Amino acid sequence: MDQMPSLMSRMISRGVDTLIIFTVVILLAQIISFDTQSLIVQISEAIFWLWYFIFIPYIWIGLTVGKRLNQTQLVMADGSDVKLRALIIREFFILFAYVLSLGILWIVTLVMIHRRADNHALHDLVAGTQVIKTDYL
């Protein structure tokens, strides 16, 4: 199956992954300290976030838990397996561009996914990636 997932499908996948990350961070905060604003918890959250969205998809051939459950997969724009460099560019772009623009680029990305025939998001164009539907479960 090589069709493009809907905006909702992509949002559900990212939402599941974000829920997993927040759950781990809350558990970590409880173990280390009760202060989720402490520097050690903040650093741990950033490290786990990057590990989860860069190394998990690299090892799992473009899949995260959310993508696997939602039957979507991250691949290179040419359909080949996602590259580590592309994952790093993609996630750092998401981290910095969307935050620094105060969410404006995030809104642009949502419109792009919904309107473009290829469903590419801004971060997909920057990194040379795409999200596809897959039977991989």
C-alpha atoms as a PDB file:
ATOM      1  CA  MET A   1       0.000   0.000   0.000  1.00  0.00           C
ATOM      2  CA  ASP A   2       1.588   3.275  -1.060  1.00  0.00           C
ATOM      3  CA  GLN A   3      -1.041   5.910  -0.449  1.00  0.00           C
ATOM      4  CA  MET A   4      -0.760   9.046   1.621  1.00  0.00           C
ATOM      5  CA  PRO A   5      -2.278   9.140   5.114  1.00  0.00           C
ATOM      6  CA  SER A   6      -4.754  11.842   6.039  1.00  0.00           C
ATOM      7  CA  LEU A   7      -3.975  14.783   8.267  1.00  0.00           C
ATOM      8  CA  MET A   8      -5.984  13.132  11.054  1.00  0.00           C
ATOM      9  CA  SER A   9      -4.040   9.895  10.695  1.00  0.00           C
ATOM     10  CA  ARG A  10      -0.731  11.757  10.992  1.00  0.00           C
ATOM     11  CA  MET A  11      -1.984  13.729  14.005  1.00  0.00           C
ATOM     12  CA  ILE A  12      -3.131  10.546  15.778  1.00  0.00           C
ATOM     13  CA  SER A  13       0.255   8.896  15.218  1.00  0.00           C
ATOM     14  CA  ARG A  14       2.140  11.916  16.584  1.00  0.00           C
ATOM     15  CA  GLY A  15      -0.341  12.198  19.459  1.00  0.00           C
ATOM     16  CA  VAL A  16       0.206   8.584  20.538  1.00  0.00           C
ATOM     17  CA  ASP A  17       3.974   9.115  20.409  1.00  0.00           C
ATOM     18  CA  THR A  18       3.733  12.355  22.377  1.00  0.00           C
ATOM     19  CA  LEU A  19       1.570  10.644  25.010  1.00  0.00           C
ATOM     20  CA  ILE A  20       4.244   7.958  25.398  1.00  0.00           C
ATOM     21  CA  ILE A  21       6.954  10.597  25.804  1.00  0.00           C
ATOM     22  CA  PHE A  22       4.965  12.582  28.380  1.00  0.00           C
ATOM     23  CA  THR A  23       4.222   9.410  30.339  1.00  0.00           C
ATOM     24  CA  VAL A  24       7.923   8.535  30.491  1.00  0.00           C
ATOM     25  CA  VAL A  25       8.828  12.107  31.476  1.00  0.00           C
ATOM     26  CA  ILE A  26       6.239  12.159  34.272  1.00  0.00           C
ATOM     27  CA  LEU A  27       7.519   8.828  35.591  1.00  0.00           C
ATOM     28  CA  LEU A  28      11.081  10.121  35.356  1.00  0.00           C
ATOM     29  CA  ALA A  29      10.092  13.275  37.214  1.00  0.00           C
ATOM     30  CA  GLN A  30       8.583  11.171  39.973  1.00  0.00           C
ATOM     31  CA  ILE A  31      11.775   9.119  40.280  1.00  0.00           C
ATOM     32  CA  ILE A  32      14.254  12.006  40.103  1.00  0.00           C
ATOM     33  CA  SER A  33      12.223  14.729  41.767  1.00  0.00           C
ATOM     34  CA  PHE A  34       8.663  15.941  41.886  1.00  0.00           C
ATOM     35  CA  ASP A  35       9.613  19.121  40.051  1.00  0.00           C
ATOM     36  CA  THR A  36       8.917  18.727  36.329  1.00  0.00           C
ATOM     37  CA  GLN A  37      10.580  22.114  35.793  1.00  0.00           C
ATOM     38  CA  SER A  38      13.918  20.981  37.234  1.00  0.00           C
ATOM     39  CA  LEU A  39      16.877  21.166  34.882  1.00  0.00           C
ATOM     40  CA  ILE A  40      17.607  17.433  35.073  1.00  0.00           C
ATOM     41  CA  VAL A  41      14.011  16.543  34.128  1.00  0.00           C
ATOM     42  CA  GLN A  42      14.015  19.098  31.290  1.00  0.00           C
ATOM     43  CA  ILE A  43      17.301  17.758  29.881  1.00  0.00           C
ATOM     44  CA  SER A  44      16.090  14.177  30.236  1.00  0.00           C
ATOM     45  CA  GLU A  45      12.879  15.053  28.410  1.00  0.00           C
ATOM     46  CA  ALA A  46      14.779  16.642  25.509  1.00  0.00           C
ATOM     47  CA  ILE A  47      17.131  13.664  25.232  1.00  0.00           C
ATOM     48  CA  PHE A  48      14.271  11.154  25.333  1.00  0.00           C
ATOM     49  CA  TRP A  49      12.236  13.177  22.817  1.00  0.00           C
ATOM     50  CA  LEU A  50      15.127  13.233  20.329  1.00  0.00           C
ATOM     51  CA  TRP A  51      15.936   9.566  20.942  1.00  0.00           C
ATOM     52  CA  TYR A  52      12.318   8.573  20.408  1.00  0.00           C
ATOM     53  CA  PHE A  53      11.748  10.538  17.182  1.00  0.00           C
ATOM     54  CA  ILE A  54      15.214  10.003  15.653  1.00  0.00           C
ATOM     55  CA  PHE A  55      16.638   6.667  16.713  1.00  0.00           C
ATOM     56  CA  ILE A  56      13.442   4.616  17.072  1.00  0.00           C
ATOM     57  CA  PRO A  57      12.338   5.362  13.478  1.00  0.00           C
ATOM     58  CA  TYR A  58      15.881   4.748  12.274  1.00  0.00           C
ATOM     59  CA  ILE A  59      16.017   1.320  13.938  1.00  0.00           C
ATOM     60  CA  TRP A  60      12.383   0.434  13.138  1.00  0.00           C
ATOM     61  CA  ILE A  61      12.622   1.477   9.464  1.00  0.00           C
ATOM     62  CA  GLY A  62      10.541   4.650   9.731  1.00  0.00           C
ATOM     63  CA  LEU A  63       8.172   3.495  12.455  1.00  0.00           C
ATOM     64  CA  THR A  64       7.389   4.709  15.948  1.00  0.00           C
ATOM     65  CA  VAL A  65       4.803   3.144  18.241  1.00  0.00           C
ATOM     66  CA  GLY A  66       2.199   5.661  17.011  1.00  0.00           C
ATOM     67  CA  LYS A  67       3.036   5.083  13.364  1.00  0.00           C
ATOM     68  CA  ARG A  68       3.028   1.302  13.807  1.00  0.00           C
ATOM     69  CA  LEU A  69      -0.408   1.342  15.496  1.00  0.00           C
ATOM     70  CA  ASN A  70      -1.775   3.722  12.865  1.00  0.00           C
ATOM     71  CA  GLN A  71      -0.159   1.840   9.961  1.00  0.00           C
ATOM     72  CA  THR A  72       1.879   4.778   8.704  1.00  0.00           C
ATOM     73  CA  GLN A  73       5.591   4.857   7.975  1.00  0.00           C
ATOM     74  CA  LEU A  74       8.203   7.543   7.452  1.00  0.00           C
ATOM     75  CA  VAL A  75      10.289   7.044   4.314  1.00  0.00           C
ATOM     76  CA  MET A  76      12.516   9.153   2.096  1.00  0.00           C
ATOM     77  CA  ALA A  77      10.714  11.139  -0.623  1.00  0.00           C
ATOM     78  CA  ASP A  78      11.885   8.567  -3.197  1.00  0.00           C
ATOM     79  CA  GLY A  79      10.289   5.739  -1.153  1.00  0.00           C
ATOM     80  CA  SER A  80      13.545   4.308   0.214  1.00  0.00           C
ATOM     81  CA  ASP A  81      14.173   3.647   3.912  1.00  0.00           C
ATOM     82  CA  VAL A  82      14.479   6.798   5.988  1.00  0.00           C
ATOM     83  CA  LYS A  83      18.053   7.957   6.605  1.00  0.00           C
ATOM     84  CA  LEU A  84      19.471   9.007   9.975  1.00  0.00           C
ATOM     85  CA  ARG A  85      20.518  12.395   8.572  1.00  0.00           C
ATOM     86  CA  ALA A  86      16.964  13.055   7.348  1.00  0.00           C
ATOM     87  CA  LEU A  87      15.519  12.144  10.755  1.00  0.00           C
ATOM     88  CA  ILE A  88      17.918  14.524  12.498  1.00  0.00           C
ATOM     89  CA  ILE A  89      17.085  17.381  10.093  1.00  0.00           C
ATOM     90  CA  ARG A  90      13.350  16.662  10.351  1.00  0.00           C
ATOM     91  CA  GLU A  91      13.150  16.609  14.139  1.00  0.00           C
ATOM     92  CA  PHE A  92      15.455  19.567  14.732  1.00  0.00           C
ATOM     93  CA  PHE A  93      13.410  21.555  12.212  1.00  0.00           C
ATOM     94  CA  ILE A  94      10.242  20.583  14.065  1.00  0.00           C
ATOM     95  CA  LEU A  95      11.825  21.491  17.398  1.00  0.00           C
ATOM     96  CA  PHE A  96      13.246  24.865  16.415  1.00  0.00           C
ATOM     97  CA  ALA A  97      11.196  26.222  13.510  1.00  0.00           C
ATOM     98  CA  TYR A  98       7.796  25.493  14.987  1.00  0.00           C
ATOM     99  CA  VAL A  99       8.709  26.717  18.450  1.00  0.00           C
ATOM    100  CA  LEU A 100      10.538  29.840  17.279  1.00  0.00           C
ATOM    101  CA  SER A 101       7.655  30.805  14.997  1.00  0.00           C
ATOM    102  CA  LEU A 102       5.318  30.543  18.000  1.00  0.00           C
ATOM    103  CA  GLY A 103       3.322  27.861  16.233  1.00  0.00           C
ATOM    104  CA  ILE A 104       2.660  29.805  13.043  1.00  0.00           C
ATOM    105  CA  LEU A 105       4.691  27.356  10.926  1.00  0.00           C
ATOM    106  CA  TRP A 106       2.849  24.486  12.610  1.00  0.00           C
ATOM    107  CA  ILE A 107      -0.443  25.904  11.335  1.00  0.00           C
ATOM    108  CA  VAL A 108       1.090  26.319   7.858  1.00  0.00           C
ATOM    109  CA  THR A 109       2.184  22.673   8.029  1.00  0.00           C
ATOM    110  CA  LEU A 110      -1.301  21.456   8.967  1.00  0.00           C
ATOM    111  CA  VAL A 111      -2.750  23.321   5.988  1.00  0.00           C
ATOM    112  CA  MET A 112      -0.020  21.903   3.726  1.00  0.00           C
ATOM    113  CA  ILE A 113      -0.713  18.309   4.781  1.00  0.00           C
ATOM    114  CA  HIS A 114      -4.440  18.824   4.221  1.00  0.00           C
ATOM    115  CA  ARG A 115      -4.154  20.661   0.876  1.00  0.00           C
ATOM    116  CA  ARG A 116      -1.157  19.117  -0.896  1.00  0.00           C
ATOM    117  CA  ALA A 117      -1.780  16.055  -3.066  1.00  0.00           C
ATOM    118  CA  ASP A 118       1.372  14.415  -1.696  1.00  0.00           C
ATOM    119  CA  ASN A 119       0.477  15.310   1.938  1.00  0.00           C
ATOM    120  CA  HIS A 120       4.003  16.622   2.567  1.00  0.00           C
ATOM    121  CA  ALA A 121       4.470  18.739   5.664  1.00  0.00           C
ATOM    122  CA  LEU A 122       6.977  21.580   5.803  1.00  0.00           C
ATOM    123  CA  HIS A 123       9.395  19.420   7.796  1.00  0.00           C
ATOM    124  CA  ASP A 124       9.042  16.638   5.197  1.00  0.00           C
ATOM    125  CA  LEU A 125      10.047  19.039   2.426  1.00  0.00           C
ATOM    126  CA  VAL A 126      13.036  20.288   4.433  1.00  0.00           C
ATOM    127  CA  ALA A 127      14.225  16.756   5.291  1.00  0.00           C
ATOM    128  CA  GLY A 128      13.282  15.040   2.028  1.00  0.00           C
ATOM    129  CA  THR A 129      10.889  12.623   3.742  1.00  0.00           C
ATOM    130  CA  GLN A 130       7.267  11.586   3.429  1.00  0.00           C
ATOM    131  CA  VAL A 131       4.748   9.679   5.514  1.00  0.00           C
ATOM    132  CA  ILE A 132       2.920   6.859   3.757  1.00  0.00           C
ATOM    133  CA  LYS A 133       0.209   4.363   4.651  1.00  0.00           C
ATOM    134  CA  THR A 134       1.568   0.866   5.073  1.00  0.00           C
ATOM    135  CA  ASP A 135       0.428  -2.631   5.922  1.00  0.00           C
ATOM    136  CA  TYR A 136       3.444  -2.927   8.227  1.00  0.00           C
ATOM    137  CA  LEU A 137       2.040  -3.748  11.683  1.00  0.00           C
END
